[in-house]
Full PDB file with SEQRES, HELIX, SHEET, SSBOND, CRYST1, ORIGX, SCALE, CONECT and MASTER records, all heavy atoms in Angstrom:
SEQRES   1 A   30  VAL ARG ARG TYR SER ARG HIS LEU ILE ILE PRO ASP VAL          
SEQRES   2 A   30  GLY MET ILE GLY GLN LYS ARG LEU LYS ASN ALA ARG VAL          
SEQRES   3 A   30  LEU MET ILE GLY                                              
HELIX    1 AA1 SER A    5  LEU A    8  1                                   4    
HELIX    2 AA2 GLY A   14  ASN A   23  1                                  10    
CRYST1    1.000    1.000    1.000  90.00  90.00  90.00 P 1           1          
ORIGX1      1.000000  0.000000  0.000000        0.00000                         
ORIGX2      0.000000  1.000000  0.000000        0.00000                         
ORIGX3      0.000000  0.000000  1.000000        0.00000                         
SCALE1      1.000000  0.000000  0.000000        0.00000                         
SCALE2      0.000000  1.000000  0.000000        0.00000                         
SCALE3      0.000000  0.000000  1.000000        0.00000                         
ATOM      1  N   VAL A   1      71.344  69.033  57.045  1.00  0.00           N  
ATOM      2  CA  VAL A   1      72.701  69.281  57.477  1.00  0.00           C  
ATOM      3  C   VAL A   1      73.600  68.147  57.077  1.00  0.00           C  
ATOM      4  O   VAL A   1      74.729  68.375  56.578  1.00  0.00           O  
ATOM      5  CB  VAL A   1      72.737  69.478  59.029  1.00  0.00           C  
ATOM      6  CG1 VAL A   1      74.194  69.521  59.525  1.00  0.00           C  
ATOM      7  CG2 VAL A   1      72.000  70.775  59.424  1.00  0.00           C  
ATOM      8  N   ARG A   2      73.158  66.939  57.239  1.00  0.00           N  
ATOM      9  CA  ARG A   2      74.002  65.813  56.757  1.00  0.00           C  
ATOM     10  C   ARG A   2      74.225  65.818  55.281  1.00  0.00           C  
ATOM     11  O   ARG A   2      75.317  65.629  54.808  1.00  0.00           O  
ATOM     12  CB  ARG A   2      73.321  64.477  57.185  1.00  0.00           C  
ATOM     13  CG  ARG A   2      73.520  64.107  58.652  1.00  0.00           C  
ATOM     14  CD  ARG A   2      73.197  62.627  58.879  1.00  0.00           C  
ATOM     15  NE  ARG A   2      71.756  62.331  58.591  1.00  0.00           N  
ATOM     16  CZ  ARG A   2      70.844  62.236  59.538  1.00  0.00           C  
ATOM     17  NH1 ARG A   2      71.187  62.405  60.817  1.00  0.00           N  
ATOM     18  NH2 ARG A   2      69.590  61.970  59.254  1.00  0.00           N  
ATOM     19  N   ARG A   3      73.156  66.078  54.533  1.00  0.00           N  
ATOM     20  CA  ARG A   3      73.226  66.044  53.055  1.00  0.00           C  
ATOM     21  C   ARG A   3      74.161  67.155  52.526  1.00  0.00           C  
ATOM     22  O   ARG A   3      74.937  66.920  51.603  1.00  0.00           O  
ATOM     23  CB  ARG A   3      71.841  66.195  52.443  1.00  0.00           C  
ATOM     24  CG  ARG A   3      71.787  66.192  50.914  1.00  0.00           C  
ATOM     25  CD  ARG A   3      70.403  66.306  50.456  1.00  0.00           C  
ATOM     26  NE  ARG A   3      69.684  65.072  50.560  1.00  0.00           N  
ATOM     27  CZ  ARG A   3      69.639  64.088  49.666  1.00  0.00           C  
ATOM     28  NH1 ARG A   3      70.283  64.225  48.534  1.00  0.00           N  
ATOM     29  NH2 ARG A   3      68.995  62.951  49.898  1.00  0.00           N  
ATOM     30  N   TYR A   4      74.075  68.344  53.100  1.00  0.00           N  
ATOM     31  CA  TYR A   4      74.809  69.504  52.537  1.00  0.00           C  
ATOM     32  C   TYR A   4      76.064  69.814  53.352  1.00  0.00           C  
ATOM     33  O   TYR A   4      76.583  70.916  53.232  1.00  0.00           O  
ATOM     34  CB  TYR A   4      73.906  70.727  52.494  1.00  0.00           C  
ATOM     35  CG  TYR A   4      72.564  70.463  51.767  1.00  0.00           C  
ATOM     36  CD1 TYR A   4      71.374  70.754  52.400  1.00  0.00           C  
ATOM     37  CD2 TYR A   4      72.532  69.906  50.502  1.00  0.00           C  
ATOM     38  CE1 TYR A   4      70.158  70.521  51.755  1.00  0.00           C  
ATOM     39  CE2 TYR A   4      71.311  69.662  49.829  1.00  0.00           C  
ATOM     40  CZ  TYR A   4      70.121  69.951  50.488  1.00  0.00           C  
ATOM     41  OH  TYR A   4      68.953  69.693  49.836  1.00  0.00           O  
ATOM     42  N   SER A   5      76.557  68.886  54.070  1.00  0.00           N  
ATOM     43  CA  SER A   5      77.687  69.190  54.983  1.00  0.00           C  
ATOM     44  C   SER A   5      78.919  69.720  54.263  1.00  0.00           C  
ATOM     45  O   SER A   5      79.630  70.578  54.822  1.00  0.00           O  
ATOM     46  CB  SER A   5      78.053  67.918  55.788  1.00  0.00           C  
ATOM     47  OG  SER A   5      78.454  66.896  54.911  1.00  0.00           O  
ATOM     48  N   ARG A   6      79.137  69.254  53.045  1.00  0.00           N  
ATOM     49  CA  ARG A   6      80.345  69.750  52.330  1.00  0.00           C  
ATOM     50  C   ARG A   6      80.185  71.200  51.884  1.00  0.00           C  
ATOM     51  O   ARG A   6      81.177  71.850  51.612  1.00  0.00           O  
ATOM     52  CB  ARG A   6      80.653  68.818  51.108  1.00  0.00           C  
ATOM     53  CG  ARG A   6      80.934  67.402  51.425  1.00  0.00           C  
ATOM     54  CD  ARG A   6      82.126  67.294  52.421  1.00  0.00           C  
ATOM     55  NE  ARG A   6      82.520  65.938  52.667  1.00  0.00           N  
ATOM     56  CZ  ARG A   6      82.023  65.132  53.624  1.00  0.00           C  
ATOM     57  NH1 ARG A   6      81.130  65.618  54.461  1.00  0.00           N  
ATOM     58  NH2 ARG A   6      82.435  63.911  53.739  1.00  0.00           N  
ATOM     59  N   HIS A   7      78.952  71.653  51.768  1.00  0.00           N  
ATOM     60  CA  HIS A   7      78.734  73.071  51.570  1.00  0.00           C  
ATOM     61  C   HIS A   7      78.884  73.867  52.854  1.00  0.00           C  
ATOM     62  O   HIS A   7      79.440  74.979  52.896  1.00  0.00           O  
ATOM     63  CB  HIS A   7      77.280  73.326  51.019  1.00  0.00           C  
ATOM     64  CG  HIS A   7      77.138  73.217  49.551  1.00  0.00           C  
ATOM     65  ND1 HIS A   7      75.904  73.323  48.897  1.00  0.00           N  
ATOM     66  CD2 HIS A   7      78.066  72.981  48.569  1.00  0.00           C  
ATOM     67  CE1 HIS A   7      76.103  73.192  47.630  1.00  0.00           C  
ATOM     68  NE2 HIS A   7      77.388  72.968  47.395  1.00  0.00           N  
ATOM     69  N   LEU A   8      78.333  73.294  53.932  1.00  0.00           N  
ATOM     70  CA  LEU A   8      78.307  74.004  55.182  1.00  0.00           C  
ATOM     71  C   LEU A   8      79.697  74.350  55.745  1.00  0.00           C  
ATOM     72  O   LEU A   8      79.856  75.313  56.454  1.00  0.00           O  
ATOM     73  CB  LEU A   8      77.545  73.218  56.230  1.00  0.00           C  
ATOM     74  CG  LEU A   8      76.085  72.866  55.836  1.00  0.00           C  
ATOM     75  CD1 LEU A   8      75.419  72.057  56.939  1.00  0.00           C  
ATOM     76  CD2 LEU A   8      75.262  74.112  55.575  1.00  0.00           C  
ATOM     77  N   ILE A   9      80.659  73.518  55.379  1.00  0.00           N  
ATOM     78  CA  ILE A   9      81.995  73.768  55.930  1.00  0.00           C  
ATOM     79  C   ILE A   9      82.808  74.711  55.040  1.00  0.00           C  
ATOM     80  O   ILE A   9      83.980  75.038  55.362  1.00  0.00           O  
ATOM     81  CB  ILE A   9      82.812  72.464  56.141  1.00  0.00           C  
ATOM     82  CG1 ILE A   9      82.940  71.687  54.806  1.00  0.00           C  
ATOM     83  CG2 ILE A   9      82.114  71.620  57.192  1.00  0.00           C  
ATOM     84  CD1 ILE A   9      83.712  70.382  54.958  1.00  0.00           C  
ATOM     85  N   ILE A  10      82.220  75.198  53.911  1.00  0.00           N  
ATOM     86  CA  ILE A  10      82.866  76.253  53.127  1.00  0.00           C  
ATOM     87  C   ILE A  10      82.492  77.582  53.744  1.00  0.00           C  
ATOM     88  O   ILE A  10      81.299  77.933  53.808  1.00  0.00           O  
ATOM     89  CB  ILE A  10      82.370  76.194  51.666  1.00  0.00           C  
ATOM     90  CG1 ILE A  10      82.634  74.863  51.020  1.00  0.00           C  
ATOM     91  CG2 ILE A  10      83.043  77.318  50.835  1.00  0.00           C  
ATOM     92  CD1 ILE A  10      82.069  74.688  49.627  1.00  0.00           C  
ATOM     93  N   PRO A  11      83.467  78.353  54.181  1.00  0.00           N  
ATOM     94  CA  PRO A  11      83.141  79.628  54.885  1.00  0.00           C  
ATOM     95  C   PRO A  11      82.223  80.534  54.074  1.00  0.00           C  
ATOM     96  O   PRO A  11      81.342  81.165  54.641  1.00  0.00           O  
ATOM     97  CB  PRO A  11      84.536  80.262  55.083  1.00  0.00           C  
ATOM     98  CG  PRO A  11      85.485  79.073  55.104  1.00  0.00           C  
ATOM     99  CD  PRO A  11      84.940  78.098  54.163  1.00  0.00           C  
ATOM    100  N   ASP A  12      82.413  80.632  52.748  1.00  0.00           N  
ATOM    101  CA  ASP A  12      81.594  81.538  51.965  1.00  0.00           C  
ATOM    102  C   ASP A  12      80.143  81.112  51.765  1.00  0.00           C  
ATOM    103  O   ASP A  12      79.275  81.889  51.378  1.00  0.00           O  
ATOM    104  CB  ASP A  12      82.234  81.731  50.567  1.00  0.00           C  
ATOM    105  CG  ASP A  12      83.481  82.571  50.602  1.00  0.00           C  
ATOM    106  OD1 ASP A  12      83.732  83.218  51.637  1.00  0.00           O  
ATOM    107  OD2 ASP A  12      84.265  82.553  49.640  1.00  0.00           O  
ATOM    108  N   VAL A  13      79.900  79.795  52.011  1.00  0.00           N  
ATOM    109  CA  VAL A  13      78.546  79.310  51.921  1.00  0.00           C  
ATOM    110  C   VAL A  13      77.945  79.137  53.302  1.00  0.00           C  
ATOM    111  O   VAL A  13      77.081  79.918  53.716  1.00  0.00           O  
ATOM    112  CB  VAL A  13      78.485  77.926  51.142  1.00  0.00           C  
ATOM    113  CG1 VAL A  13      77.056  77.414  51.062  1.00  0.00           C  
ATOM    114  CG2 VAL A  13      79.092  78.078  49.744  1.00  0.00           C  
ATOM    115  N   GLY A  14      78.436  78.160  54.061  1.00  0.00           N  
ATOM    116  CA  GLY A  14      78.001  78.024  55.429  1.00  0.00           C  
ATOM    117  C   GLY A  14      76.520  77.787  55.625  1.00  0.00           C  
ATOM    118  O   GLY A  14      75.785  77.528  54.669  1.00  0.00           O  
ATOM    119  N   MET A  15      76.047  77.891  56.821  1.00  0.00           N  
ATOM    120  CA  MET A  15      74.634  77.661  57.108  1.00  0.00           C  
ATOM    121  C   MET A  15      73.735  78.709  56.468  1.00  0.00           C  
ATOM    122  O   MET A  15      72.707  78.356  55.894  1.00  0.00           O  
ATOM    123  CB  MET A  15      74.434  77.701  58.633  1.00  0.00           C  
ATOM    124  CG  MET A  15      74.961  76.498  59.366  1.00  0.00           C  
ATOM    125  SD  MET A  15      73.995  74.962  59.060  1.00  0.00           S  
ATOM    126  CE  MET A  15      72.499  75.305  59.955  1.00  0.00           C  
ATOM    127  N   ILE A  16      74.180  79.945  56.449  1.00  0.00           N  
ATOM    128  CA  ILE A  16      73.316  80.996  55.889  1.00  0.00           C  
ATOM    129  C   ILE A  16      73.177  80.811  54.350  1.00  0.00           C  
ATOM    130  O   ILE A  16      72.076  80.923  53.816  1.00  0.00           O  
ATOM    131  CB  ILE A  16      73.944  82.409  56.160  1.00  0.00           C  
ATOM    132  CG1 ILE A  16      73.903  82.750  57.691  1.00  0.00           C  
ATOM    133  CG2 ILE A  16      73.210  83.503  55.367  1.00  0.00           C  
ATOM    134  CD1 ILE A  16      72.496  82.817  58.201  1.00  0.00           C  
ATOM    135  N   GLY A  17      74.272  80.527  53.734  1.00  0.00           N  
ATOM    136  CA  GLY A  17      74.190  80.295  52.252  1.00  0.00           C  
ATOM    137  C   GLY A  17      73.330  79.108  51.904  1.00  0.00           C  
ATOM    138  O   GLY A  17      72.557  79.201  50.934  1.00  0.00           O  
ATOM    139  N   GLN A  18      73.432  78.010  52.703  1.00  0.00           N  
ATOM    140  CA  GLN A  18      72.625  76.849  52.391  1.00  0.00           C  
ATOM    141  C   GLN A  18      71.131  77.103  52.668  1.00  0.00           C  
ATOM    142  O   GLN A  18      70.276  76.626  51.939  1.00  0.00           O  
ATOM    143  CB  GLN A  18      73.134  75.644  53.225  1.00  0.00           C  
ATOM    144  CG  GLN A  18      72.566  74.332  52.728  1.00  0.00           C  
ATOM    145  CD  GLN A  18      72.954  73.988  51.311  1.00  0.00           C  
ATOM    146  OE1 GLN A  18      74.151  74.046  50.995  1.00  0.00           O  
ATOM    147  NE2 GLN A  18      72.004  73.633  50.457  1.00  0.00           N  
ATOM    148  N   LYS A  19      70.890  77.919  53.686  1.00  0.00           N  
ATOM    149  CA  LYS A  19      69.492  78.292  53.956  1.00  0.00           C  
ATOM    150  C   LYS A  19      68.912  79.152  52.807  1.00  0.00           C  
ATOM    151  O   LYS A  19      67.741  79.085  52.495  1.00  0.00           O  
ATOM    152  CB  LYS A  19      69.399  79.050  55.289  1.00  0.00           C  
ATOM    153  CG  LYS A  19      69.612  78.168  56.514  1.00  0.00           C  
ATOM    154  CD  LYS A  19      69.523  79.039  57.773  1.00  0.00           C  
ATOM    155  CE  LYS A  19      69.724  78.176  59.031  1.00  0.00           C  
ATOM    156  NZ  LYS A  19      69.697  79.048  60.276  1.00  0.00           N  
ATOM    157  N   ARG A  20      69.766  79.963  52.222  1.00  0.00           N  
ATOM    158  CA  ARG A  20      69.312  80.741  51.080  1.00  0.00           C  
ATOM    159  C   ARG A  20      68.961  79.849  49.929  1.00  0.00           C  
ATOM    160  O   ARG A  20      67.980  80.051  49.251  1.00  0.00           O  
ATOM    161  CB  ARG A  20      70.352  81.763  50.665  1.00  0.00           C  
ATOM    162  CG  ARG A  20      70.661  82.859  51.680  1.00  0.00           C  
ATOM    163  CD  ARG A  20      71.629  83.886  51.075  1.00  0.00           C  
ATOM    164  NE  ARG A  20      72.185  84.785  52.067  1.00  0.00           N  
ATOM    165  CZ  ARG A  20      71.548  85.861  52.532  1.00  0.00           C  
ATOM    166  NH1 ARG A  20      70.364  86.188  52.117  1.00  0.00           N  
ATOM    167  NH2 ARG A  20      72.155  86.626  53.457  1.00  0.00           N  
ATOM    168  N   LEU A  21      69.818  78.830  49.658  1.00  0.00           N  
ATOM    169  CA  LEU A  21      69.517  77.899  48.565  1.00  0.00           C  
ATOM    170  C   LEU A  21      68.209  77.139  48.863  1.00  0.00           C  
ATOM    171  O   LEU A  21      67.394  76.909  47.939  1.00  0.00           O  
ATOM    172  CB  LEU A  21      70.668  76.896  48.431  1.00  0.00           C  
ATOM    173  CG  LEU A  21      71.997  77.454  47.918  1.00  0.00           C  
ATOM    174  CD1 LEU A  21      73.064  76.373  47.893  1.00  0.00           C  
ATOM    175  CD2 LEU A  21      71.876  78.063  46.511  1.00  0.00           C  
ATOM    176  N   LYS A  22      68.002  76.780  50.091  1.00  0.00           N  
ATOM    177  CA  LYS A  22      66.769  76.074  50.447  1.00  0.00           C  
ATOM    178  C   LYS A  22      65.537  76.918  50.162  1.00  0.00           C  
ATOM    179  O   LYS A  22      64.489  76.446  49.754  1.00  0.00           O  
ATOM    180  CB  LYS A  22      66.789  75.656  51.919  1.00  0.00           C  
ATOM    181  CG  LYS A  22      65.525  74.983  52.393  1.00  0.00           C  
ATOM    182  CD  LYS A  22      65.595  74.571  53.847  1.00  0.00           C  
ATOM    183  CE  LYS A  22      64.285  73.892  54.329  1.00  0.00           C  
ATOM    184  NZ  LYS A  22      64.381  73.498  55.739  1.00  0.00           N  
ATOM    185  N   ASN A  23      65.685  78.221  50.364  1.00  0.00           N  
ATOM    186  CA  ASN A  23      64.573  79.178  50.172  1.00  0.00           C  
ATOM    187  C   ASN A  23      64.411  79.653  48.753  1.00  0.00           C  
ATOM    188  O   ASN A  23      63.457  80.360  48.436  1.00  0.00           O  
ATOM    189  CB  ASN A  23      64.744  80.373  51.093  1.00  0.00           C  
ATOM    190  CG  ASN A  23      63.419  80.861  51.690  1.00  0.00           C  
ATOM    191  OD1 ASN A  23      62.459  80.095  51.773  1.00  0.00           O  
ATOM    192  ND2 ASN A  23      63.414  82.100  52.091  1.00  0.00           N  
ATOM    193  N   ALA A  24      65.315  79.250  47.858  1.00  0.00           N  
ATOM    194  CA  ALA A  24      65.360  79.762  46.499  1.00  0.00           C  
ATOM    195  C   ALA A  24      64.373  79.101  45.597  1.00  0.00           C  
ATOM    196  O   ALA A  24      64.034  77.890  45.738  1.00  0.00           O  
ATOM    197  CB  ALA A  24      66.760  79.660  45.937  1.00  0.00           C  
ATOM    198  N   ARG A  25      63.891  79.841  44.605  1.00  0.00           N  
ATOM    199  CA  ARG A  25      63.010  79.318  43.564  1.00  0.00           C  
ATOM    200  C   ARG A  25      63.661  79.632  42.208  1.00  0.00           C  
ATOM    201  O   ARG A  25      63.818  80.806  41.839  1.00  0.00           O  
ATOM    202  CB  ARG A  25      61.648  79.968  43.625  1.00  0.00           C  
ATOM    203  CG  ARG A  25      60.870  79.638  44.933  1.00  0.00           C  
ATOM    204  CD  ARG A  25      59.575  80.430  44.993  1.00  0.00           C  
ATOM    205  NE  ARG A  25      58.691  80.220  43.841  1.00  0.00           N  
ATOM    206  CZ  ARG A  25      57.792  79.196  43.832  1.00  0.00           C  
ATOM    207  NH1 ARG A  25      57.695  78.341  44.880  1.00  0.00           N  
ATOM    208  NH2 ARG A  25      57.054  78.992  42.760  1.00  0.00           N  
ATOM    209  N   VAL A  26      64.127  78.607  41.521  1.00  0.00           N  
ATOM    210  CA  VAL A  26      64.811  78.765  40.279  1.00  0.00           C  
ATOM    211  C   VAL A  26      64.077  78.078  39.122  1.00  0.00           C  
ATOM    212  O   VAL A  26      63.603  76.905  39.283  1.00  0.00           O  
ATOM    213  CB  VAL A  26      66.234  78.163  40.346  1.00  0.00           C  
ATOM    214  CG1 VAL A  26      66.962  78.253  39.031  1.00  0.00           C  
ATOM    215  CG2 VAL A  26      67.051  78.863  41.444  1.00  0.00           C  
ATOM    216  N   LEU A  27      63.948  78.778  38.021  1.00  0.00           N  
ATOM    217  CA  LEU A  27      63.268  78.217  36.861  1.00  0.00           C  
ATOM    218  C   LEU A  27      64.287  77.857  35.771  1.00  0.00           C  
ATOM    219  O   LEU A  27      65.049  78.709  35.354  1.00  0.00           O  
ATOM    220  CB  LEU A  27      62.254  79.206  36.330  1.00  0.00           C  
ATOM    221  CG  LEU A  27      61.467  78.777  35.038  1.00  0.00           C  
ATOM    222  CD1 LEU A  27      60.541  77.601  35.357  1.00  0.00           C  
ATOM    223  CD2 LEU A  27      60.691  79.941  34.458  1.00  0.00           C  
ATOM    224  N   MET A  28      64.310  76.598  35.384  1.00  0.00           N  
ATOM    225  CA  MET A  28      65.163  76.115  34.298  1.00  0.00           C  
ATOM    226  C   MET A  28      64.337  76.017  33.030  1.00  0.00           C  
ATOM    227  O   MET A  28      63.305  75.348  33.000  1.00  0.00           O  
ATOM    228  CB  MET A  28      65.731  74.753  34.635  1.00  0.00           C  
ATOM    229  CG  MET A  28      66.567  74.156  33.458  1.00  0.00           C  
ATOM    230  SD  MET A  28      68.107  75.090  33.139  1.00  0.00           S  
ATOM    231  CE  MET A  28      69.088  74.580  34.568  1.00  0.00           C  
ATOM    232  N   ILE A  29      64.732  76.738  31.989  1.00  0.00           N  
ATOM    233  CA  ILE A  29      64.015  76.649  30.679  1.00  0.00           C  
ATOM    234  C   ILE A  29      64.743  75.638  29.817  1.00  0.00           C  
ATOM    235  O   ILE A  29      65.849  75.843  29.342  1.00  0.00           O  
ATOM    236  CB  ILE A  29      64.028  78.032  30.014  1.00  0.00           C  
ATOM    237  CG1 ILE A  29      63.434  79.079  30.976  1.00  0.00           C  
ATOM    238  CG2 ILE A  29      63.195  77.970  28.744  1.00  0.00           C  
ATOM    239  CD1 ILE A  29      63.509  80.481  30.409  1.00  0.00           C  
ATOM    240  N   GLY A  30      64.105  74.513  29.682  1.00  0.00           N  
ATOM    241  CA  GLY A  30      64.628  73.400  28.901  1.00  0.00           C  
ATOM    242  C   GLY A  30      65.265  72.309  29.764  1.00  0.00           C  
ATOM    243  O   GLY A  30      65.959  72.599  30.703  1.00  0.00           O  
TER     244      GLY A  30                                                      
MASTER        0    0    0    2    0    0    0    6  243    1    0    3          
END                                                                             
């Protein structure tokens, strides 16, 4: 919460959006 606080206060992201990012698995090629 402390680390991502600037995301959490954006209405379109918020707690739900940040929890989605935490749960995400992204593959970068290169």
